[in-house]
Amino acid sequence: MGLIVPRFQSTAVARNRLRRRLSEIWRRQVRGVQGGNDLIIRIRREAYGASFTDLQATMMKLAAAAFRGSHGE
């Protein structure tokens, strides 16, 4: 997984917090369904204000769409 976390005039603390949250969601939930596929995530400005639960729901929805049918095809 690759994360692209632009500054968007945020502090290093905010960028690192967001990076750690997304890495944890990936480790717990997405990695298992990812298989041998690559995943690159570019953060949007709205992600800085999102709660962990919102980030988790969005990331799972995107992962489900991205990796749908990648097993066995």
N, C-alpha and C. Protein backbone atom coordinates (compact mmCIF):
# COMPACT_ATOMS: atom_id res chain seq x y z
N MET A 1 0.85 -1.17 0.00
CA MET A 1 0.00 0.00 0.00
C MET A 1 0.89 1.23 0.00
N GLY A 2 0.52 2.18 -0.81
CA GLY A 2 1.21 3.46 -0.83
C GLY A 2 0.25 4.57 -0.45
N LEU A 3 0.70 5.47 0.41
CA LEU A 3 -0.13 6.60 0.82
C LEU A 3 0.48 7.89 0.31
N ILE A 4 -0.34 8.71 -0.29
CA ILE A 4 0.08 10.04 -0.70
C ILE A 4 -0.73 11.01 0.17
N VAL A 5 -0.04 11.68 1.07
CA VAL A 5 -0.71 12.57 2.02
C VAL A 5 -0.20 14.00 1.80
N PRO A 6 -0.88 14.77 0.93
CA PRO A 6 -0.47 16.15 0.68
C PRO A 6 -0.63 17.03 1.92
N ARG A 7 0.08 18.12 1.92
CA ARG A 7 0.06 19.01 3.08
C ARG A 7 -1.28 19.71 3.29
N PHE A 8 -1.85 20.26 2.24
CA PHE A 8 -3.11 21.01 2.35
C PHE A 8 -3.07 22.00 3.51
N GLN A 9 -1.94 22.59 3.73
CA GLN A 9 -1.72 23.57 4.80
C GLN A 9 -2.01 22.99 6.18
N SER A 10 -1.76 21.70 6.34
CA SER A 10 -1.91 21.04 7.64
C SER A 10 -0.53 20.85 8.25
N THR A 11 -0.53 20.62 9.54
CA THR A 11 0.74 20.42 10.24
C THR A 11 1.26 19.00 10.00
N ALA A 12 2.51 18.80 10.31
CA ALA A 12 3.11 17.47 10.21
C ALA A 12 2.41 16.50 11.16
N VAL A 13 1.98 17.00 12.30
CA VAL A 13 1.27 16.17 13.27
C VAL A 13 -0.03 15.64 12.66
N ALA A 14 -0.78 16.52 11.99
CA ALA A 14 -2.05 16.11 11.37
C ALA A 14 -1.81 15.11 10.25
N ARG A 15 -0.78 15.35 9.43
CA ARG A 15 -0.47 14.42 8.34
C ARG A 15 -0.07 13.05 8.87
N ASN A 16 0.77 13.02 9.89
CA ASN A 16 1.21 11.75 10.46
C ASN A 16 0.07 11.01 11.15
N ARG A 17 -0.82 11.74 11.82
CA ARG A 17 -1.97 11.12 12.46
C ARG A 17 -2.86 10.45 11.42
N LEU A 18 -3.12 11.15 10.33
CA LEU A 18 -3.94 10.60 9.25
C LEU A 18 -3.25 9.38 8.62
N ARG A 19 -1.96 9.47 8.41
CA ARG A 19 -1.20 8.35 7.85
C ARG A 19 -1.27 7.13 8.76
N ARG A 20 -1.12 7.33 10.07
CA ARG A 20 -1.19 6.22 11.03
C ARG A 20 -2.59 5.60 11.06
N ARG A 21 -3.63 6.42 11.02
CA ARG A 21 -5.00 5.91 11.03
C ARG A 21 -5.27 5.04 9.80
N LEU A 22 -4.89 5.53 8.63
CA LEU A 22 -5.14 4.78 7.41
C LEU A 22 -4.30 3.49 7.36
N SER A 23 -3.08 3.56 7.85
CA SER A 23 -2.24 2.36 7.89
C SER A 23 -2.85 1.31 8.81
N GLU A 24 -3.43 1.73 9.91
CA GLU A 24 -4.06 0.79 10.84
C GLU A 24 -5.31 0.17 10.23
N ILE A 25 -6.12 0.95 9.54
CA ILE A 25 -7.30 0.41 8.86
C ILE A 25 -6.86 -0.60 7.81
N TRP A 26 -5.83 -0.27 7.05
CA TRP A 26 -5.34 -1.19 6.03
C TRP A 26 -4.85 -2.49 6.68
N ARG A 27 -4.08 -2.37 7.76
CA ARG A 27 -3.52 -3.55 8.42
C ARG A 27 -4.62 -4.45 8.98
N ARG A 28 -5.64 -3.87 9.59
CA ARG A 28 -6.70 -4.66 10.21
C ARG A 28 -7.69 -5.26 9.24
N GLN A 29 -8.04 -4.52 8.19
CA GLN A 29 -9.19 -4.93 7.38
C GLN A 29 -8.94 -5.07 5.89
N VAL A 30 -8.14 -4.24 5.32
CA VAL A 30 -8.00 -4.25 3.86
C VAL A 30 -6.96 -5.25 3.40
N ARG A 31 -5.89 -5.41 4.11
CA ARG A 31 -4.79 -6.26 3.69
C ARG A 31 -5.25 -7.67 3.35
N GLY A 32 -6.21 -8.20 4.11
CA GLY A 32 -6.71 -9.55 3.88
C GLY A 32 -7.45 -9.72 2.56
N VAL A 33 -8.14 -8.69 2.10
CA VAL A 33 -8.89 -8.80 0.86
C VAL A 33 -8.12 -8.25 -0.34
N GLN A 34 -6.98 -7.65 -0.08
CA GLN A 34 -6.19 -7.03 -1.13
C GLN A 34 -5.54 -8.08 -2.04
N GLY A 35 -5.17 -9.21 -1.48
CA GLY A 35 -4.51 -10.22 -2.28
C GLY A 35 -3.17 -9.73 -2.80
N GLY A 36 -2.87 -10.03 -4.04
CA GLY A 36 -1.60 -9.61 -4.63
C GLY A 36 -1.69 -8.29 -5.36
N ASN A 37 -2.74 -7.55 -5.15
CA ASN A 37 -2.94 -6.27 -5.83
C ASN A 37 -2.22 -5.15 -5.12
N ASP A 38 -1.83 -4.15 -5.88
CA ASP A 38 -1.24 -2.94 -5.31
C ASP A 38 -2.36 -1.98 -4.95
N LEU A 39 -2.10 -1.17 -3.94
CA LEU A 39 -3.09 -0.18 -3.50
C LEU A 39 -2.37 1.13 -3.26
N ILE A 40 -2.80 2.17 -3.95
CA ILE A 40 -2.25 3.51 -3.77
C ILE A 40 -3.40 4.41 -3.40
N ILE A 41 -3.24 5.14 -2.31
CA ILE A 41 -4.29 6.02 -1.81
C ILE A 41 -3.76 7.45 -1.80
N ARG A 42 -4.48 8.34 -2.47
CA ARG A 42 -4.16 9.77 -2.42
C ARG A 42 -5.24 10.43 -1.58
N ILE A 43 -4.81 11.05 -0.53
CA ILE A 43 -5.71 11.65 0.45
C ILE A 43 -6.30 12.95 -0.10
N ARG A 44 -7.59 13.12 0.16
CA ARG A 44 -8.26 14.36 -0.19
C ARG A 44 -8.31 15.26 1.04
N ARG A 45 -8.52 16.51 0.81
CA ARG A 45 -8.52 17.51 1.89
C ARG A 45 -9.52 17.17 3.01
N GLU A 46 -10.68 16.61 2.64
CA GLU A 46 -11.72 16.31 3.63
C GLU A 46 -11.29 15.24 4.63
N ALA A 47 -10.32 14.43 4.28
CA ALA A 47 -9.91 13.32 5.15
C ALA A 47 -9.30 13.83 6.46
N TYR A 48 -8.73 15.02 6.45
CA TYR A 48 -8.12 15.56 7.67
C TYR A 48 -9.15 15.78 8.77
N GLY A 49 -10.38 16.08 8.41
CA GLY A 49 -11.42 16.34 9.39
C GLY A 49 -12.31 15.14 9.69
N ALA A 50 -12.06 14.02 9.02
CA ALA A 50 -12.91 12.84 9.18
C ALA A 50 -12.56 12.06 10.45
N SER A 51 -13.57 11.43 11.03
CA SER A 51 -13.33 10.59 12.20
C SER A 51 -12.76 9.25 11.74
N PHE A 52 -12.22 8.49 12.68
CA PHE A 52 -11.66 7.17 12.37
C PHE A 52 -12.73 6.28 11.75
N THR A 53 -13.95 6.34 12.30
CA THR A 53 -15.05 5.53 11.80
C THR A 53 -15.40 5.89 10.36
N ASP A 54 -15.41 7.19 10.05
CA ASP A 54 -15.69 7.63 8.68
C ASP A 54 -14.60 7.17 7.72
N LEU A 55 -13.34 7.30 8.14
CA LEU A 55 -12.23 6.85 7.31
C LEU A 55 -12.32 5.35 7.05
N GLN A 56 -12.66 4.62 8.11
CA GLN A 56 -12.76 3.17 8.01
C GLN A 56 -13.87 2.76 7.02
N ALA A 57 -15.03 3.38 7.14
CA ALA A 57 -16.15 3.05 6.26
C ALA A 57 -15.82 3.38 4.81
N THR A 58 -15.21 4.52 4.58
CA THR A 58 -14.87 4.92 3.22
C THR A 58 -13.81 4.01 2.63
N MET A 59 -12.80 3.68 3.41
CA MET A 59 -11.73 2.82 2.91
C MET A 59 -12.24 1.42 2.61
N MET A 60 -13.14 0.89 3.42
CA MET A 60 -13.68 -0.44 3.18
C MET A 60 -14.57 -0.45 1.93
N LYS A 61 -15.33 0.62 1.73
CA LYS A 61 -16.18 0.72 0.55
C LYS A 61 -15.33 0.78 -0.72
N LEU A 62 -14.27 1.57 -0.68
CA LEU A 62 -13.39 1.68 -1.84
C LEU A 62 -12.62 0.38 -2.09
N ALA A 63 -12.18 -0.27 -1.03
CA ALA A 63 -11.45 -1.54 -1.18
C ALA A 63 -12.36 -2.61 -1.76
N ALA A 64 -13.61 -2.65 -1.32
CA ALA A 64 -14.55 -3.64 -1.84
C ALA A 64 -14.76 -3.44 -3.33
N ALA A 65 -14.87 -2.19 -3.75
CA ALA A 65 -15.06 -1.90 -5.17
C ALA A 65 -13.80 -2.19 -5.97
N ALA A 66 -12.65 -1.87 -5.42
CA ALA A 66 -11.39 -2.04 -6.14
C ALA A 66 -11.00 -3.50 -6.29
N PHE A 67 -11.28 -4.32 -5.27
CA PHE A 67 -10.81 -5.70 -5.29
C PHE A 67 -11.92 -6.70 -5.58
N ARG A 68 -13.09 -6.21 -5.93
CA ARG A 68 -14.19 -7.10 -6.28
C ARG A 68 -13.80 -7.92 -7.50
N GLY A 69 -13.92 -9.22 -7.38
CA GLY A 69 -13.65 -10.10 -8.50
C GLY A 69 -12.17 -10.33 -8.79
N SER A 70 -11.29 -9.82 -7.94
CA SER A 70 -9.86 -10.01 -8.20
C SER A 70 -9.39 -11.38 -7.77
N HIS A 71 -10.17 -12.09 -6.97
CA HIS A 71 -9.81 -13.44 -6.54
C HIS A 71 -10.40 -14.44 -7.53
N GLY A 72 -9.55 -15.21 -8.16
CA GLY A 72 -10.02 -16.27 -9.03
C GLY A 72 -10.35 -15.87 -10.44
N GLU A 73 -10.09 -14.63 -10.84
CA GLU A 73 -10.35 -14.22 -12.23
C GLU A 73 -9.06 -14.04 -12.95
